[in-house]
Amino acid sequence: MWKERESPLRIEKRFEFERYSKISKFMEKVEKLCKERDIYPNISFGKNFVSLSIFLNDAEISDKEKDFSMDIDKFYLED
């Protein structure tokens, strides 16, 4: 589940992975989606996780941002 945060307004989620090689595949899919949707989250990652933060332009999450976050969830579930 994506968590809403304030100051600055954003949604964020941490994705856990068993192997580093799965992170690479996940990040390739995220990169392609970012270019397609023109949304560029802050990304941090380590040996077994990727964290994404999507900063919101409005007071509420837009449909564009909702769709983007749901697609990222699908990528994660595929692996």
C-alpha atoms as a PDB file:
ATOM      1  CA  MET A   1       0.000   0.000   0.000  1.00  0.00           C
ATOM      2  CA  TRP A   2       1.267   3.442  -0.895  1.00  0.00           C
ATOM      3  CA  LYS A   3       1.505   5.788   2.098  1.00  0.00           C
ATOM      4  CA  GLU A   4       0.536   9.437   1.914  1.00  0.00           C
ATOM      5  CA  ARG A   5       2.985  11.840   3.532  1.00  0.00           C
ATOM      6  CA  GLU A   6       2.957  15.578   4.127  1.00  0.00           C
ATOM      7  CA  SER A   7       5.542  18.305   4.040  1.00  0.00           C
ATOM      8  CA  PRO A   8       6.130  17.948   1.149  1.00  0.00           C
ATOM      9  CA  LEU A   9       2.982  16.215  -0.045  1.00  0.00           C
ATOM     10  CA  ARG A  10       3.826  12.838  -1.575  1.00  0.00           C
ATOM     11  CA  ILE A  11       3.025   9.162  -1.740  1.00  0.00           C
ATOM     12  CA  GLU A  12       5.692   6.573  -1.099  1.00  0.00           C
ATOM     13  CA  LYS A  13       6.252   2.851  -0.995  1.00  0.00           C
ATOM     14  CA  ARG A  14       9.071   0.434  -0.242  1.00  0.00           C
ATOM     15  CA  PHE A  15       9.400  -2.717  -2.334  1.00  0.00           C
ATOM     16  CA  GLU A  16      11.334  -5.695  -0.927  1.00  0.00           C
ATOM     17  CA  PHE A  17      13.277  -8.162  -3.118  1.00  0.00           C
ATOM     18  CA  GLU A  18      14.927 -11.528  -2.485  1.00  0.00           C
ATOM     19  CA  ARG A  19      17.760 -10.935  -4.953  1.00  0.00           C
ATOM     20  CA  TYR A  20      19.512  -7.876  -6.303  1.00  0.00           C
ATOM     21  CA  SER A  21      19.003  -9.123  -9.878  1.00  0.00           C
ATOM     22  CA  LYS A  22      15.228  -8.669  -9.450  1.00  0.00           C
ATOM     23  CA  ILE A  23      15.809  -5.029  -8.497  1.00  0.00           C
ATOM     24  CA  SER A  24      17.503  -4.396 -11.846  1.00  0.00           C
ATOM     25  CA  LYS A  25      14.562  -5.834 -13.801  1.00  0.00           C
ATOM     26  CA  PHE A  26      12.073  -3.875 -11.697  1.00  0.00           C
ATOM     27  CA  MET A  27      14.004  -0.629 -12.169  1.00  0.00           C
ATOM     28  CA  GLU A  28      14.121  -1.098 -15.955  1.00  0.00           C
ATOM     29  CA  LYS A  29      10.310  -1.309 -16.007  1.00  0.00           C
ATOM     30  CA  VAL A  30       9.974   1.717 -13.723  1.00  0.00           C
ATOM     31  CA  GLU A  31      12.353   3.737 -15.912  1.00  0.00           C
ATOM     32  CA  LYS A  32      10.333   2.988 -19.049  1.00  0.00           C
ATOM     33  CA  LEU A  33       7.073   3.891 -17.296  1.00  0.00           C
ATOM     34  CA  CYS A  34       8.546   7.192 -16.045  1.00  0.00           C
ATOM     35  CA  LYS A  35       9.400   8.218 -19.592  1.00  0.00           C
ATOM     36  CA  GLU A  36       5.990   7.159 -20.921  1.00  0.00           C
ATOM     37  CA  ARG A  37       3.997   8.950 -18.204  1.00  0.00           C
ATOM     38  CA  ASP A  38       6.328  11.898 -17.591  1.00  0.00           C
ATOM     39  CA  ILE A  39       6.387  11.198 -13.849  1.00  0.00           C
ATOM     40  CA  TYR A  40       9.772  10.996 -12.170  1.00  0.00           C
ATOM     41  CA  PRO A  41       9.682   9.794  -8.565  1.00  0.00           C
ATOM     42  CA  ASN A  42      12.549  10.008  -6.130  1.00  0.00           C
ATOM     43  CA  ILE A  43      14.129   6.565  -6.006  1.00  0.00           C
ATOM     44  CA  SER A  44      16.449   4.984  -3.487  1.00  0.00           C
ATOM     45  CA  PHE A  45      17.547   1.390  -3.362  1.00  0.00           C
ATOM     46  CA  GLY A  46      19.794  -1.005  -1.555  1.00  0.00           C
ATOM     47  CA  LYS A  47      20.745  -4.652  -1.564  1.00  0.00           C
ATOM     48  CA  ASN A  48      17.173  -5.894  -1.198  1.00  0.00           C
ATOM     49  CA  PHE A  49      14.779  -2.932  -1.568  1.00  0.00           C
ATOM     50  CA  VAL A  50      13.603  -0.056  -3.740  1.00  0.00           C
ATOM     51  CA  SER A  51      11.819   2.973  -2.253  1.00  0.00           C
ATOM     52  CA  LEU A  52       9.806   5.341  -4.424  1.00  0.00           C
ATOM     53  CA  SER A  53       8.395   8.758  -3.524  1.00  0.00           C
ATOM     54  CA  ILE A  54       6.028  10.534  -5.895  1.00  0.00           C
ATOM     55  CA  PHE A  55       5.670  14.218  -5.096  1.00  0.00           C
ATOM     56  CA  LEU A  56       2.158  15.519  -5.741  1.00  0.00           C
ATOM     57  CA  ASN A  57       1.384  18.706  -7.620  1.00  0.00           C
ATOM     58  CA  ASP A  58      -2.076  19.132  -6.099  1.00  0.00           C
ATOM     59  CA  ALA A  59      -3.626  18.644  -2.677  1.00  0.00           C
ATOM     60  CA  GLU A  60      -4.801  15.172  -3.738  1.00  0.00           C
ATOM     61  CA  ILE A  61      -3.328  12.369  -5.776  1.00  0.00           C
ATOM     62  CA  SER A  62      -4.353  12.712  -9.423  1.00  0.00           C
ATOM     63  CA  ASP A  63      -5.622   9.907 -11.653  1.00  0.00           C
ATOM     64  CA  LYS A  64      -2.320  10.071 -13.536  1.00  0.00           C
ATOM     65  CA  GLU A  65      -0.387   9.468 -10.313  1.00  0.00           C
ATOM     66  CA  LYS A  66      -2.805   6.737  -9.175  1.00  0.00           C
ATOM     67  CA  ASP A  67      -2.436   4.891 -12.473  1.00  0.00           C
ATOM     68  CA  PHE A  68       1.333   5.268 -12.324  1.00  0.00           C
ATOM     69  CA  SER A  69       1.537   3.836  -8.799  1.00  0.00           C
ATOM     70  CA  MET A  70      -0.807   0.945  -9.668  1.00  0.00           C
ATOM     71  CA  ASP A  71       1.326   0.042 -12.687  1.00  0.00           C
ATOM     72  CA  ILE A  72       4.426  -0.014 -10.508  1.00  0.00           C
ATOM     73  CA  ASP A  73       2.610  -2.359  -8.119  1.00  0.00           C
ATOM     74  CA  LYS A  74       1.852  -4.651 -11.081  1.00  0.00           C
ATOM     75  CA  PHE A  75       5.548  -4.729 -12.037  1.00  0.00           C
ATOM     76  CA  TYR A  76       6.405  -5.769  -8.512  1.00  0.00           C
ATOM     77  CA  LEU A  77       3.818  -8.555  -8.466  1.00  0.00           C
ATOM     78  CA  GLU A  78       5.001  -9.900 -11.842  1.00  0.00           C
ATOM     79  CA  ASP A  79       8.441 -10.819 -10.515  1.00  0.00           C
END
